[in-house]
């Protein structure tokens, strides 16, 4: 893979994470309003916040993973060696 493809892949992952985060926030605000107005309880909201958060965390770790840093470190080391 060349540098452009790697950069595109990282940018796509970050955009996907941001979109997922916005959707998560919007849905939870709507559910919070419903819980406040109709249920007078936040158990449903807490349940969705907790389990829905796993999907957001998954996208976060894919977008900002340690693999990206590892690849950069490998490239730096290879340039120091002279390859």
N, C-alpha and C. Protein backbone atom coordinates (compact mmCIF):
# COMPACT_ATOMS: atom_id res chain seq x y z
N UNK A 1 0.83 -1.18 0.00
CA UNK A 1 0.00 0.00 0.00
C UNK A 1 0.88 1.25 0.00
N UNK A 2 0.50 2.19 -0.79
CA UNK A 2 1.26 3.42 -0.79
C UNK A 2 0.70 4.38 0.26
N UNK A 3 1.36 5.49 0.44
CA UNK A 3 1.00 6.45 1.49
C UNK A 3 -0.40 7.00 1.30
N UNK A 4 -0.77 7.24 0.05
CA UNK A 4 -2.10 7.81 -0.22
C UNK A 4 -3.21 6.86 0.22
N UNK A 5 -3.07 5.57 -0.08
CA UNK A 5 -4.08 4.60 0.30
C UNK A 5 -4.18 4.47 1.82
N UNK A 6 -3.05 4.50 2.49
CA UNK A 6 -3.05 4.42 3.95
C UNK A 6 -3.75 5.64 4.53
N UNK A 7 -3.45 6.82 4.00
CA UNK A 7 -4.07 8.05 4.48
C UNK A 7 -5.58 8.04 4.23
N UNK A 8 -5.99 7.55 3.07
CA UNK A 8 -7.42 7.46 2.77
C UNK A 8 -8.13 6.50 3.72
N UNK A 9 -7.49 5.39 4.00
CA UNK A 9 -8.08 4.40 4.90
C UNK A 9 -8.25 4.98 6.30
N UNK A 10 -7.24 5.70 6.78
CA UNK A 10 -7.32 6.32 8.11
C UNK A 10 -8.39 7.40 8.14
N UNK A 11 -8.44 8.22 7.09
CA UNK A 11 -9.44 9.29 7.02
C UNK A 11 -10.85 8.71 7.00
N UNK A 12 -11.05 7.65 6.24
CA UNK A 12 -12.37 7.00 6.18
C UNK A 12 -12.78 6.45 7.55
N UNK A 13 -11.82 5.86 8.26
CA UNK A 13 -12.13 5.31 9.59
C UNK A 13 -12.50 6.43 10.55
N UNK A 14 -11.81 7.56 10.47
CA UNK A 14 -12.12 8.69 11.36
C UNK A 14 -13.47 9.30 11.03
N UNK A 15 -13.79 9.40 9.75
CA UNK A 15 -15.10 9.93 9.35
C UNK A 15 -16.20 8.99 9.81
N UNK A 16 -16.00 7.69 9.66
CA UNK A 16 -16.99 6.71 10.10
C UNK A 16 -17.22 6.81 11.60
N UNK A 17 -16.13 6.98 12.36
CA UNK A 17 -16.27 7.14 13.81
C UNK A 17 -17.07 8.39 14.15
N UNK A 18 -16.76 9.50 13.50
CA UNK A 18 -17.46 10.75 13.79
C UNK A 18 -18.95 10.63 13.45
N UNK A 19 -19.27 10.03 12.33
CA UNK A 19 -20.68 9.84 11.96
C UNK A 19 -21.39 8.96 12.98
N UNK A 20 -20.74 7.89 13.41
CA UNK A 20 -21.32 6.99 14.39
C UNK A 20 -21.53 7.71 15.73
N UNK A 21 -20.59 8.56 16.12
CA UNK A 21 -20.71 9.30 17.36
C UNK A 21 -21.88 10.28 17.31
N UNK A 22 -22.03 10.99 16.19
CA UNK A 22 -23.14 11.93 16.05
C UNK A 22 -24.48 11.22 16.13
N UNK A 23 -24.59 10.08 15.45
CA UNK A 23 -25.84 9.31 15.48
C UNK A 23 -26.13 8.83 16.91
N UNK A 24 -25.11 8.36 17.58
CA UNK A 24 -25.25 7.89 18.96
C UNK A 24 -25.76 9.01 19.87
N UNK A 25 -25.19 10.19 19.72
CA UNK A 25 -25.60 11.32 20.55
C UNK A 25 -27.04 11.75 20.24
N UNK A 26 -27.39 11.83 18.97
CA UNK A 26 -28.74 12.25 18.59
C UNK A 26 -29.78 11.26 19.10
N UNK A 27 -29.54 9.98 18.91
CA UNK A 27 -30.48 8.96 19.37
C UNK A 27 -30.63 9.01 20.89
N UNK A 28 -29.53 9.19 21.60
CA UNK A 28 -29.61 9.21 23.06
C UNK A 28 -30.31 10.46 23.58
N UNK A 29 -30.17 11.59 22.90
CA UNK A 29 -30.90 12.79 23.31
C UNK A 29 -32.40 12.57 23.13
N UNK A 30 -32.78 11.98 22.01
CA UNK A 30 -34.20 11.70 21.76
C UNK A 30 -34.75 10.72 22.80
N UNK A 31 -34.00 9.68 23.10
CA UNK A 31 -34.45 8.71 24.10
C UNK A 31 -34.51 9.35 25.49
N UNK A 32 -33.57 10.25 25.80
CA UNK A 32 -33.60 10.95 27.09
C UNK A 32 -34.86 11.80 27.21
N UNK A 33 -35.24 12.47 26.14
CA UNK A 33 -36.46 13.28 26.16
C UNK A 33 -37.69 12.39 26.35
N UNK A 34 -37.73 11.27 25.63
CA UNK A 34 -38.85 10.34 25.78
C UNK A 34 -38.92 9.79 27.20
N UNK A 35 -37.77 9.42 27.75
CA UNK A 35 -37.75 8.89 29.12
C UNK A 35 -38.20 9.95 30.11
N UNK A 36 -37.77 11.17 29.91
CA UNK A 36 -38.14 12.24 30.84
C UNK A 36 -39.62 12.56 30.76
N UNK A 37 -40.17 12.62 29.56
CA UNK A 37 -41.57 13.02 29.39
C UNK A 37 -42.57 11.91 29.69
N UNK A 38 -42.26 10.70 29.28
CA UNK A 38 -43.26 9.64 29.35
C UNK A 38 -42.99 8.56 30.40
N UNK A 39 -41.75 8.27 30.65
CA UNK A 39 -41.45 7.14 31.54
C UNK A 39 -41.07 7.56 32.95
N UNK A 40 -40.61 8.78 33.13
CA UNK A 40 -40.11 9.27 34.42
C UNK A 40 -39.04 8.34 35.00
N UNK A 41 -38.33 7.68 34.13
CA UNK A 41 -37.26 6.77 34.54
C UNK A 41 -36.17 6.78 33.47
N UNK A 42 -34.96 6.63 33.91
CA UNK A 42 -33.85 6.67 32.97
C UNK A 42 -33.18 5.31 32.77
N UNK A 43 -33.83 4.24 33.20
CA UNK A 43 -33.23 2.91 33.05
C UNK A 43 -33.04 2.53 31.59
N UNK A 44 -34.02 2.85 30.76
CA UNK A 44 -33.90 2.55 29.33
C UNK A 44 -32.73 3.33 28.72
N UNK A 45 -32.62 4.60 29.10
CA UNK A 45 -31.53 5.43 28.58
C UNK A 45 -30.17 4.88 29.02
N UNK A 46 -30.06 4.53 30.28
CA UNK A 46 -28.79 3.99 30.77
C UNK A 46 -28.42 2.69 30.07
N UNK A 47 -29.42 1.85 29.83
CA UNK A 47 -29.20 0.60 29.12
C UNK A 47 -28.67 0.87 27.72
N UNK A 48 -29.30 1.79 27.00
CA UNK A 48 -28.89 2.10 25.62
C UNK A 48 -27.55 2.83 25.61
N UNK A 49 -27.32 3.72 26.56
CA UNK A 49 -26.03 4.40 26.65
C UNK A 49 -24.90 3.39 26.83
N UNK A 50 -25.12 2.44 27.72
CA UNK A 50 -24.07 1.47 28.03
C UNK A 50 -23.78 0.55 26.85
N UNK A 51 -24.82 -0.11 26.35
CA UNK A 51 -24.60 -1.09 25.29
C UNK A 51 -24.38 -0.44 23.92
N UNK A 52 -24.98 0.69 23.67
CA UNK A 52 -24.75 1.40 22.42
C UNK A 52 -23.35 1.99 22.37
N UNK A 53 -22.82 2.29 23.54
CA UNK A 53 -21.47 2.84 23.62
C UNK A 53 -20.39 1.88 23.13
N UNK A 54 -20.67 0.58 23.19
CA UNK A 54 -19.69 -0.39 22.70
C UNK A 54 -19.41 -0.21 21.21
N UNK A 55 -20.47 0.07 20.45
CA UNK A 55 -20.29 0.30 19.01
C UNK A 55 -19.47 1.53 18.73
N UNK A 56 -19.71 2.58 19.51
CA UNK A 56 -18.94 3.82 19.34
C UNK A 56 -17.48 3.58 19.72
N UNK A 57 -17.25 2.87 20.80
CA UNK A 57 -15.88 2.56 21.20
C UNK A 57 -15.15 1.72 20.16
N UNK A 58 -15.87 0.78 19.56
CA UNK A 58 -15.28 -0.05 18.52
C UNK A 58 -14.80 0.80 17.35
N UNK A 59 -15.65 1.73 16.91
CA UNK A 59 -15.27 2.62 15.80
C UNK A 59 -14.12 3.52 16.21
N UNK A 60 -14.11 3.97 17.48
CA UNK A 60 -13.02 4.82 17.96
C UNK A 60 -11.68 4.09 17.90
N UNK A 61 -11.66 2.86 18.39
CA UNK A 61 -10.41 2.12 18.40
C UNK A 61 -9.95 1.75 16.99
N UNK A 62 -10.89 1.57 16.08
CA UNK A 62 -10.50 1.32 14.69
C UNK A 62 -9.93 2.57 14.04
N UNK A 63 -10.47 3.73 14.40
CA UNK A 63 -10.02 4.98 13.79
C UNK A 63 -8.71 5.47 14.38
N UNK A 64 -8.56 5.31 15.67
CA UNK A 64 -7.38 5.84 16.36
C UNK A 64 -6.61 4.71 17.04
N UNK A 65 -6.32 3.70 16.29
CA UNK A 65 -5.71 2.51 16.89
C UNK A 65 -4.21 2.65 17.03
N UNK A 66 -3.67 1.74 17.81
CA UNK A 66 -2.23 1.70 18.02
C UNK A 66 -1.53 1.21 16.77
N UNK A 67 -2.23 0.48 15.91
CA UNK A 67 -1.63 -0.02 14.69
C UNK A 67 -1.08 1.13 13.84
N UNK A 68 -1.81 2.24 13.80
CA UNK A 68 -1.36 3.38 13.03
C UNK A 68 -0.03 3.89 13.56
N UNK A 69 0.08 3.96 14.87
CA UNK A 69 1.32 4.43 15.48
C UNK A 69 2.44 3.42 15.26
N UNK A 70 2.10 2.16 15.31
CA UNK A 70 3.10 1.11 15.08
C UNK A 70 3.66 1.19 13.67
N UNK A 71 2.77 1.40 12.69
CA UNK A 71 3.22 1.51 11.30
C UNK A 71 4.16 2.70 11.13
N UNK A 72 3.83 3.83 11.76
CA UNK A 72 4.68 5.01 11.67
C UNK A 72 6.04 4.76 12.31
N UNK A 73 6.06 4.06 13.43
CA UNK A 73 7.32 3.76 14.10
C UNK A 73 8.18 2.83 13.24
N UNK A 74 7.54 1.86 12.60
CA UNK A 74 8.29 0.95 11.71
C UNK A 74 8.90 1.72 10.56
N UNK A 75 8.14 2.63 9.97
CA UNK A 75 8.68 3.44 8.87
C UNK A 75 9.86 4.30 9.32
N UNK A 76 9.75 4.89 10.52
CA UNK A 76 10.86 5.69 11.04
C UNK A 76 12.11 4.85 11.26
N UNK A 77 11.91 3.66 11.83
CA UNK A 77 13.05 2.79 12.07
C UNK A 77 13.70 2.34 10.77
N UNK A 78 12.86 2.04 9.76
CA UNK A 78 13.40 1.63 8.47
C UNK A 78 14.18 2.78 7.83
N UNK A 79 13.70 4.00 8.00
CA UNK A 79 14.43 5.13 7.42
C UNK A 79 15.75 5.36 8.15
N UNK A 80 15.80 5.08 9.45
CA UNK A 80 17.04 5.21 10.20
C UNK A 80 18.06 4.18 9.75
N UNK A 81 17.56 2.97 9.47
CA UNK A 81 18.44 1.88 9.03
C UNK A 81 18.97 2.18 7.63
N UNK A 82 18.13 2.80 6.82
CA UNK A 82 18.57 3.16 5.48
C UNK A 82 17.94 2.33 4.39
N UNK A 83 16.86 1.70 4.69
CA UNK A 83 16.19 0.88 3.68
C UNK A 83 15.17 1.68 2.92
